Amino acid sequence: MPESGHFTALPAVSATGCLVGIVEWACMRALDGHLDDGEQTLGVHVDFSHEVPTPLGSPLTVGAELTGVEGRHLTFTVKAFDDAARVRARLDGRDGP
């Protein structure tokens, strides 16, 4: 978390921005072993619904599936769950090599 007073004043939960980073990471991991050395992708659009704050330390399960490829544009469907609710996410695009 940034050390800005705005962020340090937030409650002890994984806020939406934090979960977007975790979703991005899940998509990157889904591509492990499928890119050539030196290749990487870059997230360009996220469609995300975070229904309930996730308490820090609570288990969070995230899975990403590559569901579309159009040239260099990749689309993932992501499912994320914590103890309280489902986090809905679709990463509509990582531009690749």
PDB file of N, CA and C in Angstrom:
ATOM      1  N   MET A   1       0.845  -1.188   0.000  1.00  0.00           N
ATOM      2  CA  MET A   1       0.000   0.000   0.000  1.00  0.00           C
ATOM      3  C   MET A   1       0.878   1.236   0.000  1.00  0.00           C
ATOM      4  N   PRO A   2       0.496   2.217  -0.774  1.00  0.00           N
ATOM      5  CA  PRO A   2       1.236   3.476  -0.690  1.00  0.00           C
ATOM      6  C   PRO A   2       1.164   4.042   0.725  1.00  0.00           C
ATOM      7  N   GLU A   3       2.167   4.805   1.102  1.00  0.00           N
ATOM      8  CA  GLU A   3       2.228   5.331   2.463  1.00  0.00           C
ATOM      9  C   GLU A   3       1.498   6.654   2.623  1.00  0.00           C
ATOM     10  N   SER A   4       0.754   7.068   1.633  1.00  0.00           N
ATOM     11  CA  SER A   4      -0.036   8.286   1.697  1.00  0.00           C
ATOM     12  C   SER A   4      -1.026   8.202   2.859  1.00  0.00           C
ATOM     13  N   GLY A   5      -1.279   9.332   3.487  1.00  0.00           N
ATOM     14  CA  GLY A   5      -2.271   9.376   4.560  1.00  0.00           C
ATOM     15  C   GLY A   5      -3.635   8.900   4.114  1.00  0.00           C
ATOM     16  N   HIS A   6      -3.948   9.082   2.844  1.00  0.00           N
ATOM     17  CA  HIS A   6      -5.228   8.603   2.325  1.00  0.00           C
ATOM     18  C   HIS A   6      -5.331   7.083   2.442  1.00  0.00           C
ATOM     19  N   PHE A   7      -4.234   6.410   2.147  1.00  0.00           N
ATOM     20  CA  PHE A   7      -4.251   4.953   2.204  1.00  0.00           C
ATOM     21  C   PHE A   7      -4.088   4.429   3.625  1.00  0.00           C
ATOM     22  N   THR A   8      -3.261   5.062   4.417  1.00  0.00           N
ATOM     23  CA  THR A   8      -3.039   4.561   5.773  1.00  0.00           C
ATOM     24  C   THR A   8      -4.276   4.726   6.640  1.00  0.00           C
ATOM     25  N   ALA A   9      -5.204   5.596   6.237  1.00  0.00           N
ATOM     26  CA  ALA A   9      -6.435   5.790   6.996  1.00  0.00           C
ATOM     27  C   ALA A   9      -7.514   4.767   6.642  1.00  0.00           C
ATOM     28  N   LEU A  10      -7.276   3.967   5.607  1.00  0.00           N
ATOM     29  CA  LEU A  10      -8.273   2.972   5.197  1.00  0.00           C
ATOM     30  C   LEU A  10      -8.370   1.847   6.224  1.00  0.00           C
ATOM     31  N   PRO A  11      -9.528   1.183   6.297  1.00  0.00           N
ATOM     32  CA  PRO A  11      -9.649   0.028   7.200  1.00  0.00           C
ATOM     33  C   PRO A  11      -8.735  -1.109   6.753  1.00  0.00           C
ATOM     34  N   ALA A  12      -8.503  -2.067   7.639  1.00  0.00           N
ATOM     35  CA  ALA A  12      -7.598  -3.199   7.387  1.00  0.00           C
ATOM     36  C   ALA A  12      -8.287  -4.248   6.512  1.00  0.00           C
ATOM     37  N   VAL A  13      -8.481  -3.891   5.250  1.00  0.00           N
ATOM     38  CA  VAL A  13      -9.084  -4.809   4.280  1.00  0.00           C
ATOM     39  C   VAL A  13      -8.290  -4.736   2.991  1.00  0.00           C
ATOM     40  N   SER A  14      -8.439  -5.761   2.161  1.00  0.00           N
ATOM     41  CA  SER A  14      -7.869  -5.716   0.821  1.00  0.00           C
ATOM     42  C   SER A  14      -8.857  -4.958  -0.052  1.00  0.00           C
ATOM     43  N   ALA A  15      -8.563  -3.716  -0.306  1.00  0.00           N
ATOM     44  CA  ALA A  15      -9.449  -2.872  -1.099  1.00  0.00           C
ATOM     45  C   ALA A  15      -9.422  -3.295  -2.557  1.00  0.00           C
ATOM     46  N   THR A  16     -10.320  -2.736  -3.335  1.00  0.00           N
ATOM     47  CA  THR A  16     -10.466  -3.099  -4.733  1.00  0.00           C
ATOM     48  C   THR A  16      -9.160  -2.974  -5.510  1.00  0.00           C
ATOM     49  N   GLY A  17      -8.427  -1.889  -5.313  1.00  0.00           N
ATOM     50  CA  GLY A  17      -7.171  -1.704  -6.038  1.00  0.00           C
ATOM     51  C   GLY A  17      -6.177  -2.825  -5.780  1.00  0.00           C
ATOM     52  N   CYS A  18      -6.114  -3.281  -4.552  1.00  0.00           N
ATOM     53  CA  CYS A  18      -5.232  -4.394  -4.191  1.00  0.00           C
ATOM     54  C   CYS A  18      -5.667  -5.668  -4.918  1.00  0.00           C
ATOM     55  N   LEU A  19      -6.970  -5.907  -4.954  1.00  0.00           N
ATOM     56  CA  LEU A  19      -7.463  -7.115  -5.610  1.00  0.00           C
ATOM     57  C   LEU A  19      -7.263  -7.061  -7.120  1.00  0.00           C
ATOM     58  N   VAL A  20      -7.330  -5.874  -7.712  1.00  0.00           N
ATOM     59  CA  VAL A  20      -7.035  -5.761  -9.141  1.00  0.00           C
ATOM     60  C   VAL A  20      -5.603  -6.233  -9.407  1.00  0.00           C
ATOM     61  N   GLY A  21      -4.665  -5.850  -8.537  1.00  0.00           N
ATOM     62  CA  GLY A  21      -3.284  -6.304  -8.686  1.00  0.00           C
ATOM     63  C   GLY A  21      -3.165  -7.814  -8.585  1.00  0.00           C
ATOM     64  N   ILE A  22      -3.916  -8.417  -7.673  1.00  0.00           N
ATOM     65  CA  ILE A  22      -3.885  -9.873  -7.521  1.00  0.00           C
ATOM     66  C   ILE A  22      -4.472 -10.549  -8.759  1.00  0.00           C
ATOM     67  N   VAL A  23      -5.547  -9.981  -9.310  1.00  0.00           N
ATOM     68  CA  VAL A  23      -6.154 -10.514 -10.531  1.00  0.00           C
ATOM     69  C   VAL A  23      -5.159 -10.427 -11.696  1.00  0.00           C
ATOM     70  N   GLU A  24      -4.471  -9.296 -11.817  1.00  0.00           N
ATOM     71  CA  GLU A  24      -3.440  -9.150 -12.860  1.00  0.00           C
ATOM     72  C   GLU A  24      -2.378 -10.245 -12.701  1.00  0.00           C
ATOM     73  N   TRP A  25      -1.953 -10.479 -11.480  1.00  0.00           N
ATOM     74  CA  TRP A  25      -0.936 -11.486 -11.194  1.00  0.00           C
ATOM     75  C   TRP A  25      -1.424 -12.878 -11.610  1.00  0.00           C
ATOM     76  N   ALA A  26      -2.686 -13.191 -11.316  1.00  0.00           N
ATOM     77  CA  ALA A  26      -3.236 -14.493 -11.696  1.00  0.00           C
ATOM     78  C   ALA A  26      -3.202 -14.668 -13.213  1.00  0.00           C
ATOM     79  N   CYS A  27      -3.489 -13.613 -13.949  1.00  0.00           N
ATOM     80  CA  CYS A  27      -3.436 -13.694 -15.412  1.00  0.00           C
ATOM     81  C   CYS A  27      -2.017 -13.890 -15.900  1.00  0.00           C
ATOM     82  N   MET A  28      -1.065 -13.201 -15.290  1.00  0.00           N
ATOM     83  CA  MET A  28       0.336 -13.387 -15.662  1.00  0.00           C
ATOM     84  C   MET A  28       0.772 -14.826 -15.401  1.00  0.00           C
ATOM     85  N   ARG A  29       0.361 -15.360 -14.262  1.00  0.00           N
ATOM     86  CA  ARG A  29       0.744 -16.741 -13.921  1.00  0.00           C
ATOM     87  C   ARG A  29       0.099 -17.741 -14.867  1.00  0.00           C
ATOM     88  N   ALA A  30      -1.096 -17.434 -15.361  1.00  0.00           N
ATOM     89  CA  ALA A  30      -1.756 -18.333 -16.310  1.00  0.00           C
ATOM     90  C   ALA A  30      -0.958 -18.458 -17.607  1.00  0.00           C
ATOM     91  N   LEU A  31      -0.131 -17.468 -17.883  1.00  0.00           N
ATOM     92  CA  LEU A  31       0.695 -17.496 -19.099  1.00  0.00           C
ATOM     93  C   LEU A  31       2.074 -18.099 -18.875  1.00  0.00           C
ATOM     94  N   ASP A  32       2.403 -18.439 -17.630  1.00  0.00           N
ATOM     95  CA  ASP A  32       3.708 -19.041 -17.351  1.00  0.00           C
ATOM     96  C   ASP A  32       3.925 -20.251 -18.255  1.00  0.00           C
ATOM     97  N   GLY A  33       5.085 -20.293 -18.888  1.00  0.00           N
ATOM     98  CA  GLY A  33       5.428 -21.409 -19.759  1.00  0.00           C
ATOM     99  C   GLY A  33       4.892 -21.265 -21.177  1.00  0.00           C
ATOM    100  N   HIS A  34       4.133 -20.189 -21.457  1.00  0.00           N
ATOM    101  CA  HIS A  34       3.545 -20.008 -22.782  1.00  0.00           C
ATOM    102  C   HIS A  34       4.144 -18.833 -23.546  1.00  0.00           C
ATOM    103  N   LEU A  35       5.035 -18.078 -22.919  1.00  0.00           N
ATOM    104  CA  LEU A  35       5.692 -16.962 -23.586  1.00  0.00           C
ATOM    105  C   LEU A  35       7.163 -17.294 -23.790  1.00  0.00           C
ATOM    106  N   ASP A  36       7.719 -16.754 -24.846  1.00  0.00           N
ATOM    107  CA  ASP A  36       9.148 -16.941 -25.082  1.00  0.00           C
ATOM    108  C   ASP A  36       9.941 -16.101 -24.091  1.00  0.00           C
ATOM    109  N   ASP A  37      11.201 -16.478 -23.875  1.00  0.00           N
ATOM    110  CA  ASP A  37      12.080 -15.703 -22.995  1.00  0.00           C
ATOM    111  C   ASP A  37      12.080 -14.239 -23.425  1.00  0.00           C
ATOM    112  N   GLY A  38      11.911 -13.348 -22.474  1.00  0.00           N
ATOM    113  CA  GLY A  38      11.920 -11.921 -22.744  1.00  0.00           C
ATOM    114  C   GLY A  38      10.571 -11.346 -23.139  1.00  0.00           C
ATOM    115  N   GLU A  39       9.583 -12.194 -23.415  1.00  0.00           N
ATOM    116  CA  GLU A  39       8.250 -11.702 -23.763  1.00  0.00           C
ATOM    117  C   GLU A  39       7.447 -11.478 -22.490  1.00  0.00           C
ATOM    118  N   GLN A  40       6.566 -10.502 -22.542  1.00  0.00           N
ATOM    119  CA  GLN A  40       5.664 -10.245 -21.425  1.00  0.00           C
ATOM    120  C   GLN A  40       4.385  -9.633 -21.957  1.00  0.00           C
ATOM    121  N   THR A  41       3.382  -9.533 -21.101  1.00  0.00           N
ATOM    122  CA  THR A  41       2.118  -8.913 -21.474  1.00  0.00           C
ATOM    123  C   THR A  41       1.882  -7.718 -20.564  1.00  0.00           C
ATOM    124  N   LEU A  42       0.945  -6.886 -20.975  1.00  0.00           N
ATOM    125  CA  LEU A  42       0.620  -5.685 -20.220  1.00  0.00           C
ATOM    126  C   LEU A  42      -0.890  -5.552 -20.141  1.00  0.00           C
ATOM    127  N   GLY A  43      -1.439  -5.457 -18.925  1.00  0.00           N
ATOM    128  CA  GLY A  43      -2.874  -5.289 -18.754  1.00  0.00           C
ATOM    129  C   GLY A  43      -3.341  -3.960 -19.316  1.00  0.00           C
ATOM    130  N   VAL A  44      -4.457  -3.992 -20.073  1.00  0.00           N
ATOM    131  CA  VAL A  44      -4.954  -2.761 -20.691  1.00  0.00           C
ATOM    132  C   VAL A  44      -6.400  -2.449 -20.336  1.00  0.00           C
ATOM    133  N   HIS A  45      -7.141  -3.406 -19.775  1.00  0.00           N
ATOM    134  CA  HIS A  45      -8.534  -3.146 -19.388  1.00  0.00           C
ATOM    135  C   HIS A  45      -8.961  -4.169 -18.342  1.00  0.00           C
ATOM    136  N   VAL A  46      -9.673  -3.701 -17.331  1.00  0.00           N
ATOM    137  CA  VAL A  46     -10.203  -4.586 -16.295  1.00  0.00           C
ATOM    138  C   VAL A  46     -11.668  -4.253 -16.080  1.00  0.00           C
ATOM    139  N   ASP A  47     -12.515  -5.264 -16.085  1.00  0.00           N
ATOM    140  CA  ASP A  47     -13.931  -5.122 -15.738  1.00  0.00           C
ATOM    141  C   ASP A  47     -14.097  -5.911 -14.453  1.00  0.00           C
ATOM    142  N   PHE A  48     -14.360  -5.228 -13.363  1.00  0.00           N
ATOM    143  CA  PHE A  48     -14.165  -5.824 -12.044  1.00  0.00           C
ATOM    144  C   PHE A  48     -15.288  -5.400 -11.107  1.00  0.00           C
ATOM    145  N   SER A  49     -15.842  -6.344 -10.379  1.00  0.00           N
ATOM    146  CA  SER A  49     -16.818  -6.044  -9.343  1.00  0.00           C
ATOM    147  C   SER A  49     -16.346  -6.672  -8.039  1.00  0.00           C
ATOM    148  N   HIS A  50     -16.083  -5.845  -7.061  1.00  0.00           N
ATOM    149  CA  HIS A  50     -15.630  -6.297  -5.741  1.00  0.00           C
ATOM    150  C   HIS A  50     -16.792  -6.043  -4.793  1.00  0.00           C
ATOM    151  N   GLU A  51     -17.534  -7.096  -4.480  1.00  0.00           N
ATOM    152  CA  GLU A  51     -18.813  -6.952  -3.797  1.00  0.00           C
ATOM    153  C   GLU A  51     -18.703  -6.656  -2.310  1.00  0.00           C
ATOM    154  N   VAL A  52     -17.679  -7.198  -1.664  1.00  0.00           N
ATOM    155  CA  VAL A  52     -17.526  -7.051  -0.216  1.00  0.00           C
ATOM    156  C   VAL A  52     -16.039  -6.894   0.092  1.00  0.00           C
ATOM    157  N   PRO A  53     -15.655  -5.990   0.991  1.00  0.00           N
ATOM    158  CA  PRO A  53     -14.231  -5.894   1.348  1.00  0.00           C
ATOM    159  C   PRO A  53     -13.710  -7.232   1.871  1.00  0.00           C
ATOM    160  N   THR A  54     -12.492  -7.549   1.516  1.00  0.00           N
ATOM    161  CA  THR A  54     -11.854  -8.780   1.962  1.00  0.00           C
ATOM    162  C   THR A  54     -10.932  -8.459   3.131  1.00  0.00           C
ATOM    163  N   PRO A  55     -11.227  -8.983   4.328  1.00  0.00           N
ATOM    164  CA  PRO A  55     -10.370  -8.691   5.484  1.00  0.00           C
ATOM    165  C   PRO A  55      -8.936  -9.154   5.237  1.00  0.00           C
ATOM    166  N   LEU A  56      -7.967  -8.346   5.663  1.00  0.00           N
ATOM    167  CA  LEU A  56      -6.572  -8.734   5.533  1.00  0.00           C
ATOM    168  C   LEU A  56      -6.347 -10.062   6.242  1.00  0.00           C
ATOM    169  N   GLY A  57      -5.619 -10.949   5.628  1.00  0.00           N
ATOM    170  CA  GLY A  57      -5.323 -12.249   6.208  1.00  0.00           C
ATOM    171  C   GLY A  57      -6.347 -13.318   5.875  1.00  0.00           C
ATOM    172  N   SER A  58      -7.503 -12.924   5.308  1.00  0.00           N
ATOM    173  CA  SER A  58      -8.505 -13.920   4.921  1.00  0.00           C
ATOM    174  C   SER A  58      -8.029 -14.659   3.682  1.00  0.00           C
ATOM    175  N   PRO A  59      -8.344 -15.953   3.589  1.00  0.00           N
ATOM    176  CA  PRO A  59      -7.959 -16.698   2.391  1.00  0.00           C
ATOM    177  C   PRO A  59      -8.654 -16.113   1.162  1.00  0.00           C
ATOM    178  N   LEU A  60      -7.930 -16.016   0.076  1.00  0.00           N
ATOM    179  CA  LEU A  60      -8.467 -15.543  -1.193  1.00  0.00           C
ATOM    180  C   LEU A  60      -8.014 -16.518  -2.265  1.00  0.00           C
ATOM    181  N   THR A  61      -8.952 -17.055  -3.012  1.00  0.00           N
ATOM    182  CA  THR A  61      -8.653 -17.992  -4.078  1.00  0.00           C
ATOM    183  C   THR A  61      -8.942 -17.306  -5.404  1.00  0.00           C
ATOM    184  N   VAL A  62      -7.963 -17.297  -6.295  1.00  0.00           N
ATOM    185  CA  VAL A  62      -8.110 -16.624  -7.584  1.00  0.00           C
ATOM    186  C   VAL A  62      -7.662 -17.573  -8.685  1.00  0.00           C
ATOM    187  N   GLY A  63      -8.482 -17.702  -9.711  1.00  0.00           N
ATOM    188  CA  GLY A  63      -8.127 -18.507 -10.878  1.00  0.00           C
ATOM    189  C   GLY A  63      -8.372 -17.712 -12.142  1.00  0.00           C
ATOM    190  N   ALA A  64      -7.453 -17.782 -13.085  1.00  0.00           N
ATOM    191  CA  ALA A  64      -7.573 -17.062 -14.353  1.00  0.00           C
ATOM    192  C   ALA A  64      -7.549 -18.064 -15.495  1.00  0.00           C
ATOM    193  N   GLU A  65      -8.431 -17.857 -16.458  1.00  0.00           N
ATOM    194  CA  GLU A  65      -8.491 -18.706 -17.639  1.00  0.00           C
ATOM    195  C   GLU A  65      -8.415 -17.818 -18.878  1.00  0.00           C
ATOM    196  N   LEU A  66      -7.526 -18.150 -19.783  1.00  0.00           N
ATOM    197  CA  LEU A  66      -7.429 -17.442 -21.054  1.00  0.00           C
ATOM    198  C   LEU A  66      -8.626 -17.866 -21.900  1.00  0.00           C
ATOM    199  N   THR A  67      -9.500 -16.914 -22.235  1.00  0.00           N
ATOM    200  CA  THR A  67     -10.734 -17.250 -22.946  1.00  0.00           C
ATOM    201  C   THR A  67     -10.807 -16.643 -24.339  1.00  0.00           C
ATOM    202  N   GLY A  68      -9.821 -15.855 -24.725  1.00  0.00           N
ATOM    203  CA  GLY A  68      -9.847 -15.296 -26.068  1.00  0.00           C
ATOM    204  C   GLY A  68      -8.489 -14.776 -26.492  1.00  0.00           C
ATOM    205  N   VAL A  69      -8.199 -14.945 -27.784  1.00  0.00           N
ATOM    206  CA  VAL A  69      -6.965 -14.419 -28.367  1.00  0.00           C
ATOM    207  C   VAL A  69      -7.334 -13.792 -29.704  1.00  0.00           C
ATOM    208  N   GLU A  70      -7.037 -12.510 -29.848  1.00  0.00           N
ATOM    209  CA  GLU A  70      -7.210 -11.813 -31.118  1.00  0.00           C
ATOM    210  C   GLU A  70      -5.900 -11.103 -31.418  1.00  0.00           C
ATOM    211  N   GLY A  71      -5.080 -11.698 -32.252  1.00  0.00           N
ATOM    212  CA  GLY A  71      -3.754 -11.142 -32.522  1.00  0.00           C
ATOM    213  C   GLY A  71      -2.957 -11.088 -31.234  1.00  0.00           C
ATOM    214  N   ARG A  72      -2.544  -9.876 -30.836  1.00  0.00           N
ATOM    215  CA  ARG A  72      -1.778  -9.706 -29.600  1.00  0.00           C
ATOM    216  C   ARG A  72      -2.670  -9.489 -28.383  1.00  0.00           C
ATOM    217  N   HIS A  73      -3.974  -9.431 -28.575  1.00  0.00           N
ATOM    218  CA  HIS A  73      -4.902  -9.109 -27.490  1.00  0.00           C
ATOM    219  C   HIS A  73      -5.436 -10.391 -26.850  1.00  0.00           C
ATOM    220  N   LEU A  74      -5.215 -10.530 -25.548  1.00  0.00           N
ATOM    221  CA  LEU A  74      -5.644 -11.715 -24.794  1.00  0.00           C
ATOM    222  C   LEU A  74      -6.780 -11.327 -23.860  1.00  0.00           C
ATOM    223  N   THR A  75      -7.773 -12.195 -23.727  1.00  0.00           N
ATOM    224  CA  THR A  75      -8.877 -11.971 -22.791  1.00  0.00           C
ATOM    225  C   THR A  75      -8.905 -13.123 -21.800  1.00  0.00           C
ATOM    226  N   PHE A  76      -9.035 -12.774 -20.524  1.00  0.00           N
ATOM    227  CA  PHE A  76      -9.091 -13.758 -19.446  1.00  0.00           C
ATOM    228  C   PHE A  76     -10.419 -13.644 -18.712  1.00  0.00           C
ATOM    229  N   THR A  77     -10.919 -14.758 -18.242  1.00  0.00           N
ATOM    230  CA  THR A  77     -12.012 -14.752 -17.291  1.00  0.00           C
ATOM    231  C   THR A  77     -11.419 -15.180 -15.958  1.00  0.00           C
ATOM    232  N   VAL A  78     -11.704 -14.406 -14.935  1.00  0.00           N
ATOM    233  CA  VAL A  78     -11.115 -14.625 -13.620  1.00  0.00           C
ATOM    234  C   VAL A  78     -12.226 -14.886 -12.617  1.00  0.00           C
ATOM    235  N   LYS A  79     -12.030 -15.878 -11.776  1.00  0.00           N
ATOM    236  CA  LYS A  79     -12.938 -16.136 -10.663  1.00  0.00           C
ATOM    237  C   LYS A  79     -12.140 -15.977  -9.383  1.00  0.00           C
ATOM    238  N   ALA A  80     -12.684 -15.192  -8.476  1.00  0.00           N
ATOM    239  CA  ALA A  80     -11.997 -14.953  -7.204  1.00  0.00           C
ATOM    240  C   ALA A  80     -13.010 -15.102  -6.081  1.00  0.00           C
ATOM    241  N   PHE A  81     -12.591 -15.771  -5.026  1.00  0.00           N
ATOM    242  CA  PHE A  81     -13.468 -16.020  -3.883  1.00  0.00           C
ATOM    243  C   PHE A  81     -12.719 -15.727  -2.593  1.00  0.00           C
ATOM    244  N   ASP A  82     -13.423 -15.157  -1.627  1.00  0.00           N
ATOM    245  CA  ASP A  82     -12.898 -15.103  -0.269  1.00  0.00           C
ATOM    246  C   ASP A  82     -13.916 -15.807   0.620  1.00  0.00           C
ATOM    247  N   ASP A  83     -13.748 -15.730   1.919  1.00  0.00           N
ATOM    248  CA  ASP A  83     -14.662 -16.426   2.825  1.00  0.00           C
ATOM    249  C   ASP A  83     -16.081 -15.871   2.783  1.00  0.00           C
ATOM    250  N   ALA A  84     -16.235 -14.596   2.414  1.00  0.00           N
ATOM    251  CA  ALA A  84     -17.533 -13.939   2.514  1.00  0.00           C
ATOM    252  C   ALA A  84     -18.307 -13.915   1.205  1.00  0.00           C
ATOM    253  N   ALA A  85     -17.623 -13.756   0.086  1.00  0.00           N
ATOM    254  CA  ALA A  85     -18.344 -13.533  -1.162  1.00  0.00           C
ATOM    255  C   ALA A  85     -17.465 -13.813  -2.355  1.00  0.00           C
ATOM    256  N   ARG A  86     -18.086 -13.771  -3.492  1.00  0.00           N
ATOM    257  CA  ARG A  86     -17.356 -13.932  -4.743  1.00  0.00           C
ATOM    258  C   ARG A  86     -16.978 -12.554  -5.263  1.00  0.00           C
ATOM    259  N   VAL A  87     -15.785 -12.449  -5.744  1.00  0.00           N
ATOM    260  CA  VAL A  87     -15.311 -11.245  -6.409  1.00  0.00           C
ATOM    261  C   VAL A  87     -15.419 -11.535  -7.904  1.00  0.00           C
ATOM    262  N   ARG A  88     -16.175 -10.751  -8.618  1.00  0.00           N
ATOM    263  CA  ARG A  88     -16.329 -10.993 -10.049  1.00  0.00           C
ATOM    264  C   ARG A  88     -15.314 -10.163 -10.817  1.00  0.00           C
ATOM    265  N   ALA A  89     -14.666 -10.786 -11.767  1.00  0.00           N
ATOM    266  CA  ALA A  89     -13.668 -10.044 -12.542  1.00  0.00           C
ATOM    267  C   ALA A  89     -13.548 -10.626 -13.939  1.00  0.00           C
ATOM    268  N   ARG A  90     -13.328  -9.758 -14.877  1.00  0.00           N
ATOM    269  CA  ARG A  90     -12.997 -10.168 -16.248  1.00  0.00           C
ATOM    270  C   ARG A  90     -11.865  -9.243 -16.665  1.00  0.00           C
ATOM    271  N   LEU A  91     -10.760  -9.808 -16.996  1.00  0.00           N
ATOM    272  CA  LEU A  91      -9.639  -9.007 -17.472  1.00  0.00           C
ATOM    273  C   LEU A  91      -9.738  -9.034 -18.987  1.00  0.00           C
ATOM    274  N   ASP A  92     -10.310  -7.988 -19.532  1.00  0.00           N
ATOM    275  CA  ASP A  92     -10.547  -7.928 -20.956  1.00  0.00           C
ATOM    276  C   ASP A  92      -9.357  -7.301 -21.634  1.00  0.00           C
ATOM    277  N   GLY A  93      -8.279  -7.995 -21.546  1.00  0.00           N
ATOM    278  CA  GLY A  93      -7.157  -7.581 -22.334  1.00  0.00           C
ATOM    279  C   GLY A  93      -5.834  -7.470 -21.634  1.00  0.00           C
ATOM    280  N   ARG A  94      -4.925  -8.203 -22.160  1.00  0.00           N
ATOM    281  CA  ARG A  94      -3.507  -8.024 -21.909  1.00  0.00           C
ATOM    282  C   ARG A  94      -2.924  -8.049 -23.295  1.00  0.00           C
ATOM    283  N   ASP A  95      -2.218  -7.023 -23.646  1.00  0.00           N
ATOM    284  CA  ASP A  95      -1.570  -7.020 -24.944  1.00  0.00           C
ATOM    285  C   ASP A  95      -0.219  -7.687 -24.819  1.00  0.00           C
ATOM    286  N   GLY A  96       0.047  -8.600 -25.728  1.00  0.00           N
ATOM    287  CA  GLY A  96       1.245  -9.407 -25.630  1.00  0.00           C
ATOM    288  C   GLY A  96       2.237  -9.146 -26.738  1.00  0.00           C
ATOM    289  N   PRO A  97       3.152 -10.098 -26.861  1.00  0.00           N
ATOM    290  CA  PRO A  97       4.264  -9.947 -27.809  1.00  0.00           C
ATOM    291  C   PRO A  97       3.795  -9.889 -29.247  1.00  0.00           C
TER     292      PRO A  97
END
